[in-house]
Amino acid sequence: MTKRFFAPTRREVLAGLAASAGVIAGGAAPPATARLTLQARPATLALRQGQPATPIWELVAPSAAGNARLKRGDRCEVTFRNDLPVPLAPVWYGLDGAAAAEPLLGRAAVPPGTTETSIISIPHAGTLLTDFRLFEDSLKQPARPLPIVADETNRIAVDRDEVLLIEEWRLRPDGTALPPGRDPKDTSPLYTLNGRTSFELSAAANERLRLRFINGSQRTVLAIKLESHDVRVMALDGQPAEPFPARNGALVLAPGARADAFVDAATSAAFLLHDGKEARQIGSLAISGRLERRAPLLAPQPLPSNDLPDQLDLKGALRFDVALGAPDAGWTRPASLSASSAPAFRAKAGRTVVLALKNPAPVATVFHLHGHHFRLLDRLDDGWKPYRLDTLAIEPGQTQRVAFAATSPGRWLIESVVTDWAAPRLVRSYTVE
């Protein structure tokens, strides 16, 4: 463990990483090529030794063996069953271009005790996340998100593909958990990896692992580190990146962010988590045996392209200033969003859009763009980072510029939330015509 890991650079913190969508079935559409059943239901989770299991809510795919998996190009029939006592709809992060299913704008929440079927197209391969965070004002318990993997059409050269979901809890002395957006007084933070307070991932030495790290927390930027290993980042927020090494093996992820990394397992090691205040071991990689190969492992090649535009016309871009969470700038809680609310900005389909995102808050604020992925621009506004994001954490008082090609017509959400457990989640919309 080194000092470098516990003092990440601003660039790493800002590369905090959540997009959504889904297309509702309509007309004489062709049959779906895949089916996925989602269920919102009550559950419990063992979070403290010696105490009763903590009541929670969760979103699950009951018919999936392990993590829910789809494939790029699928046209998926999604059946959502709401067995919780409040209206809800799953929000997909990382799935672009389906405005008809955008919660609060294109689709209504599903009432308790009812089922809805929709058709969702899967245009890109990547690591996705679904949850209920847009409905957190009505949650009676904290709700677990559901990772969904959209596989590439061709096999990727790895031996194992594992999802590692980090979650954040605020526990009261009696062992119950507090939903986000409430005052966390008299609670203590606790973190789990794949639902466990002490998680172990078993592997053989010389195995190449694809680890899909997801920050499933609601408010906290987290750094996760695998000790004694080179960690090569292959994708961020569900989109392929130019491969690069994670400095000191650590990844910094904003709430809702995803990072796919390749790791060649070598020795037993700890997964260390840092929440900005302290470090803790949250799991371990346990090595048993060795995988023998005829030839040594080569450096991993980039993941297949998802065919997003490689170039952005910054000179001819539409430019907009967006003050995150500013009370006089049209931000509102999700439950109060009106269909008649003026959009934060409008763009013609096919145009490049540049947003100057200003954080006026005294703490870091997380921005999430629905419907599209964006490039983080260089400070001189003359180029961009070699990856795409849909979520970004912005330091207090700072402005970051992002750019995206407005390829998906419709009305989309943008989200803003301060990295404070009690802070409300705020939304606005934008329109691509």
Protein backbone atom coordinates (compact mmCIF):
# COMPACT_ATOMS: atom_id res chain seq x y z
CA MET A 1 0.00 0.00 0.00
CA THR A 2 1.48 3.35 -1.02
CA LYS A 3 0.75 6.97 -0.39
CA ARG A 4 0.04 7.42 -4.10
CA PHE A 5 -3.06 5.22 -3.92
CA PHE A 6 -4.59 7.21 -1.09
CA ALA A 7 -4.00 10.57 -2.77
CA PRO A 8 -5.41 10.13 -6.30
CA THR A 9 -4.90 12.97 -8.75
CA ARG A 10 -7.73 15.26 -9.70
CA ARG A 11 -7.80 13.72 -13.17
CA GLU A 12 -8.41 10.30 -11.64
CA VAL A 13 -11.12 11.56 -9.31
CA LEU A 14 -12.80 13.42 -12.15
CA ALA A 15 -12.80 10.33 -14.27
CA GLY A 16 -15.65 9.25 -12.06
CA LEU A 17 -17.97 7.12 -13.86
CA ALA A 18 -24.22 5.80 -14.61
CA ALA A 19 -26.70 6.38 -18.98
CA SER A 20 -29.97 4.88 -19.44
CA ALA A 21 -32.52 3.86 -21.97
CA GLY A 22 -34.88 1.27 -23.35
CA VAL A 23 -37.33 1.16 -26.21
CA ILE A 24 -40.96 0.39 -25.49
CA ALA A 25 -42.53 -2.06 -27.85
CA GLY A 26 -44.98 -0.63 -30.35
CA GLY A 27 -46.55 -1.42 -33.70
CA ALA A 28 -45.68 -4.55 -35.64
CA ALA A 29 -42.13 -4.81 -34.35
CA PRO A 30 -40.06 -7.91 -35.13
CA PRO A 31 -39.86 -10.53 -32.38
CA ALA A 32 -37.32 -10.12 -29.61
CA THR A 33 -34.12 -12.14 -29.78
CA ALA A 34 -33.64 -12.37 -26.01
CA ARG A 35 -35.75 -12.27 -22.87
CA LEU A 36 -34.96 -10.83 -19.46
CA THR A 37 -37.15 -10.85 -16.36
CA LEU A 38 -36.52 -8.18 -13.72
CA GLN A 39 -38.15 -8.11 -10.31
CA ALA A 40 -38.27 -5.44 -7.61
CA ARG A 41 -38.72 -7.17 -4.27
CA PRO A 42 -37.97 -6.98 -0.53
CA ALA A 43 -34.93 -8.86 0.75
CA THR A 44 -32.42 -8.99 3.58
CA LEU A 45 -28.63 -8.75 3.67
CA ALA A 46 -26.25 -9.89 6.41
CA LEU A 47 -24.23 -6.74 7.06
CA ARG A 48 -23.22 -7.04 10.73
CA GLN A 49 -22.03 -10.15 12.47
CA GLY A 50 -24.18 -11.10 15.44
CA GLN A 51 -27.13 -8.93 14.36
CA PRO A 52 -30.27 -9.86 12.45
CA ALA A 53 -30.09 -9.51 8.67
CA THR A 54 -30.77 -5.97 7.44
CA PRO A 55 -34.05 -5.39 5.53
CA ILE A 56 -33.39 -3.96 2.07
CA TRP A 57 -35.04 -3.74 -1.35
CA GLU A 58 -33.43 -5.15 -4.46
CA LEU A 59 -33.67 -5.40 -8.22
CA VAL A 60 -32.93 -8.92 -9.44
CA ALA A 61 -33.12 -11.08 -12.53
CA PRO A 62 -34.60 -14.26 -10.97
CA SER A 63 -34.14 -16.44 -14.05
CA ALA A 64 -30.49 -15.50 -14.62
CA ALA A 65 -27.82 -17.91 -13.47
CA GLY A 66 -25.43 -15.48 -11.78
CA ASN A 67 -25.25 -12.05 -13.39
CA ALA A 68 -27.79 -11.08 -16.06
CA ARG A 69 -26.16 -11.24 -19.48
CA LEU A 70 -27.28 -10.03 -22.89
CA LYS A 71 -25.38 -9.58 -26.15
CA ARG A 72 -24.68 -6.63 -28.38
CA GLY A 73 -27.34 -6.54 -31.11
CA ASP A 74 -30.02 -8.21 -29.00
CA ARG A 75 -33.55 -6.96 -29.20
CA CYS A 76 -34.60 -7.92 -25.71
CA GLU A 77 -38.08 -8.44 -24.29
CA VAL A 78 -37.85 -7.16 -20.72
CA THR A 79 -40.54 -8.10 -18.21
CA PHE A 80 -40.49 -5.98 -15.06
CA ARG A 81 -42.47 -7.10 -12.00
CA ASN A 82 -42.87 -4.59 -9.16
CA ASP A 83 -43.39 -6.41 -5.86
CA LEU A 84 -42.57 -3.33 -3.75
CA PRO A 85 -45.15 -0.95 -2.23
CA VAL A 86 -44.21 2.14 -4.29
CA PRO A 87 -44.29 2.88 -8.06
CA LEU A 88 -40.92 2.14 -9.66
CA ALA A 89 -39.20 1.69 -13.01
CA PRO A 90 -35.73 0.32 -13.69
CA VAL A 91 -33.25 2.94 -14.89
CA TRP A 92 -30.56 1.65 -17.24
CA TYR A 93 -27.12 3.26 -17.03
CA GLY A 94 -24.78 2.72 -19.95
CA LEU A 95 -27.43 1.93 -22.58
CA ASP A 96 -27.73 4.74 -25.11
CA GLY A 97 -30.42 5.86 -27.48
CA ALA A 98 -33.94 4.82 -26.39
CA ALA A 99 -35.88 7.90 -25.33
CA ALA A 100 -39.26 6.18 -25.29
CA ALA A 101 -38.23 4.28 -22.14
CA GLU A 102 -36.55 7.19 -20.33
CA PRO A 103 -38.00 7.19 -16.78
CA LEU A 104 -39.92 10.34 -15.83
CA LEU A 105 -40.04 11.41 -19.49
CA GLY A 106 -40.83 8.51 -21.83
CA ARG A 107 -42.39 5.97 -19.49
CA ALA A 108 -44.44 5.93 -16.31
CA ALA A 109 -43.42 4.13 -13.15
CA VAL A 110 -44.95 0.67 -12.70
CA PRO A 111 -47.54 0.55 -9.87
CA PRO A 112 -47.06 -1.89 -6.98
CA GLY A 113 -48.09 -5.46 -7.69
CA THR A 114 -48.10 -5.08 -11.48
CA THR A 115 -45.98 -6.20 -14.42
CA GLU A 116 -44.83 -4.33 -17.52
CA THR A 117 -43.25 -5.71 -20.68
CA SER A 118 -41.09 -3.59 -22.96
CA ILE A 119 -38.60 -4.08 -25.77
CA ILE A 120 -35.06 -2.79 -25.29
CA SER A 121 -32.43 -2.77 -28.02
CA ILE A 122 -28.81 -3.44 -27.02
CA PRO A 123 -26.71 -1.39 -29.46
CA HIS A 124 -23.40 -1.66 -27.59
CA ALA A 125 -21.39 -4.21 -25.68
CA GLY A 126 -20.37 -3.19 -22.18
CA THR A 127 -21.00 -3.21 -18.45
CA LEU A 128 -24.43 -1.80 -17.62
CA LEU A 129 -26.19 -0.99 -14.37
CA THR A 130 -29.88 -0.82 -13.53
CA ASP A 131 -31.36 0.61 -10.35
CA PHE A 132 -34.06 2.80 -8.81
CA ARG A 133 -32.00 5.87 -7.90
CA LEU A 134 -34.37 8.24 -9.73
CA PHE A 135 -37.10 7.11 -7.32
CA GLU A 136 -35.07 7.31 -4.12
CA ASP A 137 -37.37 9.93 -2.54
CA SER A 138 -40.03 7.20 -2.19
CA LEU A 139 -37.75 4.33 -1.14
CA LYS A 140 -38.49 2.98 2.34
CA GLN A 141 -35.31 0.88 2.33
CA PRO A 142 -31.99 1.24 0.49
CA ALA A 143 -32.20 -0.66 -2.80
CA ARG A 144 -29.53 -2.83 -4.39
CA PRO A 145 -28.77 -2.24 -8.09
CA LEU A 146 -28.45 -4.97 -10.70
CA PRO A 147 -25.41 -5.24 -12.98
CA ILE A 148 -26.18 -6.37 -16.54
CA VAL A 149 -23.44 -7.46 -18.93
CA ALA A 150 -23.86 -6.94 -22.68
CA ASP A 151 -21.34 -9.29 -24.24
CA GLU A 152 -19.39 -8.60 -27.40
CA THR A 153 -20.47 -10.54 -30.48
CA ASN A 154 -17.06 -12.27 -30.62
CA ARG A 155 -15.30 -13.96 -27.74
CA ILE A 156 -12.80 -11.84 -25.81
CA ALA A 157 -9.45 -13.46 -25.00
CA VAL A 158 -9.81 -13.82 -21.23
CA ASP A 159 -10.10 -16.89 -19.01
CA ARG A 160 -12.67 -15.47 -16.59
CA ASP A 161 -15.20 -12.62 -16.64
CA GLU A 162 -16.26 -11.41 -13.19
CA VAL A 163 -18.52 -8.58 -11.99
CA LEU A 164 -17.38 -6.83 -8.80
CA LEU A 165 -20.18 -4.64 -7.42
CA ILE A 166 -19.21 -2.26 -4.62
CA GLU A 167 -22.09 -1.00 -2.46
CA GLU A 168 -22.32 1.63 0.25
CA TRP A 169 -24.58 1.39 3.32
CA ARG A 170 -25.42 3.68 6.24
CA LEU A 171 -26.25 1.48 9.25
CA ARG A 172 -28.09 2.52 12.39
CA PRO A 173 -27.13 1.03 15.78
CA ASP A 174 -30.04 -1.45 15.53
CA GLY A 175 -28.66 -2.84 12.25
CA THR A 176 -31.24 -1.27 9.92
CA ALA A 177 -30.04 0.71 6.91
CA LEU A 178 -30.84 4.29 5.90
CA PRO A 179 -31.88 5.08 2.29
CA PRO A 180 -29.88 7.81 0.51
CA GLY A 181 -31.08 11.39 0.61
CA ARG A 182 -31.70 11.31 4.40
CA ASP A 183 -29.67 12.76 7.26
CA PRO A 184 -27.14 10.04 8.18
CA LYS A 185 -26.89 11.16 11.82
CA ASP A 186 -26.23 8.24 14.19
CA THR A 187 -25.29 5.91 11.33
CA SER A 188 -21.95 4.42 10.33
CA PRO A 189 -20.72 3.64 6.79
CA LEU A 190 -20.20 0.09 5.62
CA TYR A 191 -19.16 -1.26 2.22
CA THR A 192 -19.78 -4.62 0.56
CA LEU A 193 -18.31 -6.35 -2.48
CA ASN A 194 -20.87 -8.51 -4.28
CA GLY A 195 -23.11 -8.28 -1.23
CA ARG A 196 -20.48 -9.46 1.26
CA THR A 197 -18.43 -7.61 3.83
CA SER A 198 -15.51 -9.98 3.13
CA PHE A 199 -15.46 -11.25 -0.46
CA GLU A 200 -13.04 -13.82 -1.90
CA LEU A 201 -12.38 -14.31 -5.60
CA SER A 202 -10.60 -17.59 -6.38
CA ALA A 203 -8.33 -17.93 -9.41
CA ALA A 204 -5.39 -19.92 -10.70
CA ALA A 205 -2.05 -18.25 -11.21
CA ASN A 206 -1.58 -17.17 -14.84
CA GLU A 207 -5.33 -16.78 -15.42
CA ARG A 208 -6.31 -13.62 -17.29
CA LEU A 209 -9.30 -12.06 -15.53
CA ARG A 210 -11.72 -9.50 -16.88
CA LEU A 211 -12.90 -7.67 -13.77
CA ARG A 212 -15.93 -5.43 -14.22
CA PHE A 213 -15.70 -2.99 -11.29
CA ILE A 214 -18.94 -1.11 -10.52
CA ASN A 215 -19.34 1.64 -7.94
CA GLY A 216 -22.91 0.86 -6.90
CA SER A 217 -22.82 3.44 -4.11
CA GLN A 218 -25.20 6.37 -4.14
CA ARG A 219 -23.06 9.32 -3.05
CA THR A 220 -19.39 8.44 -2.61
CA VAL A 221 -16.44 8.54 -4.99
CA LEU A 222 -14.46 5.38 -4.24
CA ALA A 223 -10.98 4.14 -5.07
CA ILE A 224 -10.47 0.38 -5.33
CA LYS A 225 -7.05 -1.22 -5.59
CA LEU A 226 -5.87 -4.77 -6.21
CA GLU A 227 -2.52 -5.10 -4.49
CA SER A 228 0.57 -6.54 -6.21
CA HIS A 229 -0.99 -6.68 -9.69
CA ASP A 230 -0.90 -4.69 -12.90
CA VAL A 231 -4.44 -3.58 -13.65
CA ARG A 232 -5.06 -2.58 -17.28
CA VAL A 233 -8.18 -0.49 -17.91
CA MET A 234 -10.03 -1.64 -21.04
CA ALA A 235 -13.38 0.14 -20.81
CA LEU A 236 -15.08 2.91 -18.83
CA ASP A 237 -18.82 3.33 -18.33
CA GLY A 238 -19.52 0.47 -20.71
CA GLN A 239 -17.51 1.86 -23.66
CA PRO A 240 -14.11 0.59 -24.88
CA ALA A 241 -11.11 2.76 -24.06
CA GLU A 242 -7.59 2.85 -25.37
CA PRO A 243 -6.03 0.38 -22.89
CA PHE A 244 -3.98 2.03 -20.16
CA PRO A 245 -2.52 0.91 -16.82
CA ALA A 246 -4.33 1.91 -13.64
CA ARG A 247 -1.76 3.81 -11.64
CA ASN A 248 -0.65 1.66 -8.71
CA GLY A 249 -3.40 -0.80 -9.64
CA ALA A 250 -6.09 1.59 -8.34
CA LEU A 251 -9.31 2.75 -9.99
CA VAL A 252 -11.23 5.85 -8.90
CA LEU A 253 -14.96 5.54 -9.59
CA ALA A 254 -17.80 8.00 -9.07
CA PRO A 255 -21.21 6.68 -7.95
CA GLY A 256 -22.66 4.57 -10.78
CA ALA A 257 -19.34 4.35 -12.65
CA ARG A 258 -18.08 1.16 -14.26
CA ALA A 259 -14.55 0.16 -15.26
CA ASP A 260 -13.55 -3.05 -17.06
CA ALA A 261 -9.98 -4.10 -16.31
CA PHE A 262 -7.79 -7.02 -17.33
CA VAL A 263 -5.65 -8.59 -14.63
CA ASP A 264 -3.23 -11.51 -14.99
CA ALA A 265 -3.59 -13.34 -11.70
CA ALA A 266 -0.22 -13.89 -10.07
CA THR A 267 -0.40 -14.07 -6.29
CA SER A 268 -2.94 -13.88 -3.49
CA ALA A 269 -3.74 -10.24 -2.80
CA ALA A 270 -6.18 -7.88 -1.11
CA PHE A 271 -8.83 -5.68 -2.66
CA LEU A 272 -8.47 -2.36 -0.82
CA LEU A 273 -11.18 0.29 -0.80
CA HIS A 274 -10.74 3.96 0.02
CA ASP A 275 -13.71 6.31 0.50
CA GLY A 276 -11.69 9.51 0.91
CA LYS A 277 -11.42 9.10 4.67
CA GLU A 278 -9.84 5.73 5.32
CA ALA A 279 -8.73 2.53 3.62
CA ARG A 280 -10.13 -0.90 4.35
CA GLN A 281 -9.81 -4.38 2.94
CA ILE A 282 -13.06 -5.30 1.26
CA GLY A 283 -12.08 -8.63 -0.29
CA SER A 284 -9.27 -10.79 -1.53
CA LEU A 285 -7.95 -12.61 -4.57
CA ALA A 286 -7.04 -16.16 -3.54
CA ILE A 287 -4.63 -18.05 -5.82
CA SER A 288 -4.78 -21.82 -5.98
CA GLY A 289 -2.84 -23.82 -8.56
CA ARG A 290 -1.50 -22.57 -11.87
CA LEU A 291 -2.92 -22.42 -15.37
CA GLU A 292 -0.30 -23.75 -17.80
CA ARG A 293 -0.16 -22.27 -21.30
CA ARG A 294 1.60 -23.27 -24.50
CA ALA A 295 2.57 -19.65 -25.14
CA PRO A 296 3.00 -16.68 -22.77
CA LEU A 297 0.24 -14.12 -22.44
CA LEU A 298 0.54 -11.17 -24.80
CA ALA A 299 -0.46 -7.60 -23.99
CA PRO A 300 -4.25 -7.33 -24.28
CA GLN A 301 -5.63 -5.84 -27.47
CA PRO A 302 -8.31 -3.09 -27.36
CA LEU A 303 -11.88 -4.26 -27.01
CA PRO A 304 -13.98 -4.19 -30.20
CA SER A 305 -15.37 -0.78 -31.10
CA ASN A 306 -19.03 -0.02 -30.38
CA ASP A 307 -19.05 2.14 -33.53
CA LEU A 308 -19.55 5.48 -31.81
CA PRO A 309 -18.23 8.51 -33.73
CA ASP A 310 -14.44 8.71 -33.43
CA GLN A 311 -14.23 12.41 -34.29
CA LEU A 312 -16.11 15.40 -32.83
CA ASP A 313 -16.49 18.74 -34.60
CA LEU A 314 -15.45 21.03 -31.75
CA LYS A 315 -15.15 24.09 -33.99
CA GLY A 316 -18.77 23.88 -35.08
CA ALA A 317 -20.12 22.60 -31.79
CA LEU A 318 -23.14 23.95 -29.94
CA ARG A 319 -21.91 25.19 -26.56
CA PHE A 320 -23.88 25.44 -23.33
CA ASP A 321 -23.05 26.36 -19.74
CA VAL A 322 -24.59 24.07 -17.12
CA ALA A 323 -24.36 25.00 -13.43
CA LEU A 324 -24.83 21.74 -11.55
CA GLY A 325 -27.58 21.75 -8.96
CA ALA A 326 -27.94 25.54 -8.99
CA PRO A 327 -31.39 26.29 -7.47
CA ASP A 328 -32.10 29.03 -10.00
CA ALA A 329 -31.11 26.91 -13.01
CA GLY A 330 -34.13 24.64 -13.32
CA TRP A 331 -32.92 21.65 -11.29
CA THR A 332 -35.61 19.75 -9.42
CA ARG A 333 -36.15 16.49 -7.57
CA PRO A 334 -37.19 13.65 -9.92
CA ALA A 335 -40.71 13.42 -8.47
CA SER A 336 -41.26 17.10 -9.30
CA LEU A 337 -40.02 17.00 -12.89
CA SER A 338 -42.74 18.30 -15.22
CA ALA A 339 -43.23 17.43 -18.87
CA SER A 340 -43.56 21.16 -19.50
CA SER A 341 -40.22 22.03 -17.85
CA ALA A 342 -37.88 23.93 -20.16
CA PRO A 343 -34.90 21.80 -21.26
CA ALA A 344 -31.41 22.79 -20.15
CA PHE A 345 -30.44 22.89 -23.84
CA ARG A 346 -31.59 21.81 -27.29
CA ALA A 347 -29.53 20.37 -30.12
CA LYS A 348 -30.16 19.25 -33.65
CA ALA A 349 -29.47 15.57 -34.31
CA GLY A 350 -25.98 15.10 -35.72
CA ARG A 351 -24.47 18.19 -34.05
CA THR A 352 -21.60 18.10 -31.60
CA VAL A 353 -22.54 19.46 -28.18
CA VAL A 354 -20.01 20.90 -25.72
CA LEU A 355 -21.13 21.37 -22.11
CA ALA A 356 -19.24 23.53 -19.63
CA LEU A 357 -20.16 21.84 -16.34
CA LYS A 358 -19.64 24.10 -13.35
CA ASN A 359 -19.83 22.84 -9.77
CA PRO A 360 -20.79 25.72 -7.45
CA ALA A 361 -21.11 23.42 -4.41
CA PRO A 362 -18.46 23.29 -1.66
CA VAL A 363 -18.00 19.53 -2.18
CA ALA A 364 -17.61 17.30 -5.24
CA THR A 365 -20.72 16.91 -7.39
CA VAL A 366 -21.53 14.02 -9.72
CA PHE A 367 -22.95 14.68 -13.20
CA HIS A 368 -24.65 11.96 -15.24
CA LEU A 369 -25.77 12.24 -18.86
CA HIS A 370 -28.57 10.00 -20.10
CA GLY A 371 -28.88 8.90 -23.72
CA HIS A 372 -25.29 9.50 -24.85
CA HIS A 373 -21.68 8.97 -23.82
CA PHE A 374 -19.30 11.92 -23.84
CA ARG A 375 -15.62 12.72 -24.18
CA LEU A 376 -13.85 14.59 -21.39
CA LEU A 377 -12.11 17.51 -23.07
CA ASP A 378 -8.55 18.62 -22.41
CA ARG A 379 -8.15 21.86 -20.46
CA LEU A 380 -7.24 23.78 -23.63
CA ASP A 381 -10.39 22.50 -25.36
CA ASP A 382 -8.23 21.23 -28.23
CA GLY A 383 -8.69 17.49 -27.79
CA TRP A 384 -10.17 14.81 -25.59
CA LYS A 385 -9.24 11.91 -23.36
CA PRO A 386 -8.93 8.45 -24.97
CA TYR A 387 -12.12 7.10 -23.40
CA ARG A 388 -15.83 7.86 -23.13
CA LEU A 389 -17.90 8.39 -19.99
CA ASP A 390 -21.50 8.91 -19.03
CA THR A 391 -20.72 10.07 -15.47
CA LEU A 392 -18.22 12.58 -14.09
CA ALA A 393 -17.32 13.80 -10.59
CA ILE A 394 -16.39 17.49 -10.54
CA GLU A 395 -14.45 19.13 -7.74
CA PRO A 396 -15.91 22.08 -5.80
CA GLY A 397 -15.71 25.37 -7.67
CA GLN A 398 -14.33 23.72 -10.79
CA THR A 399 -15.59 23.64 -14.40
CA GLN A 400 -15.09 20.66 -16.69
CA ARG A 401 -15.95 20.54 -20.39
CA VAL A 402 -17.38 17.48 -22.09
CA ALA A 403 -18.46 16.87 -25.68
CA PHE A 404 -20.73 14.37 -27.38
CA ALA A 405 -22.28 13.72 -30.77
CA ALA A 406 -26.06 14.15 -30.46
CA THR A 407 -26.94 10.99 -32.36
CA SER A 408 -30.09 9.97 -30.44
CA PRO A 409 -33.22 12.11 -30.97
CA GLY A 410 -35.54 12.46 -28.01
CA ARG A 411 -35.81 14.02 -24.59
CA TRP A 412 -33.18 12.93 -22.09
CA LEU A 413 -32.34 13.43 -18.44
CA ILE A 414 -29.25 14.88 -16.85
CA GLU A 415 -28.55 14.24 -13.16
CA SER A 416 -26.68 16.16 -10.49
CA VAL A 417 -26.00 14.99 -6.95
CA VAL A 418 -23.60 16.26 -4.31
CA THR A 419 -21.33 13.65 -2.71
CA ASP A 420 -23.14 13.87 0.62
CA TRP A 421 -25.47 11.10 1.84
CA ALA A 422 -28.20 13.62 2.79
CA ALA A 423 -28.08 15.53 -0.50
CA PRO A 424 -31.08 15.27 -2.84
CA ARG A 425 -30.73 13.87 -6.34
CA LEU A 426 -31.64 16.56 -8.87
CA VAL A 427 -32.59 16.29 -12.54
CA ARG A 428 -33.14 18.38 -15.65
CA SER A 429 -33.75 17.40 -19.24
CA TYR A 430 -32.28 18.17 -22.65
CA THR A 431 -33.68 17.66 -26.13
CA VAL A 432 -32.18 16.30 -29.34
CA GLU A 433 -34.41 17.22 -32.29
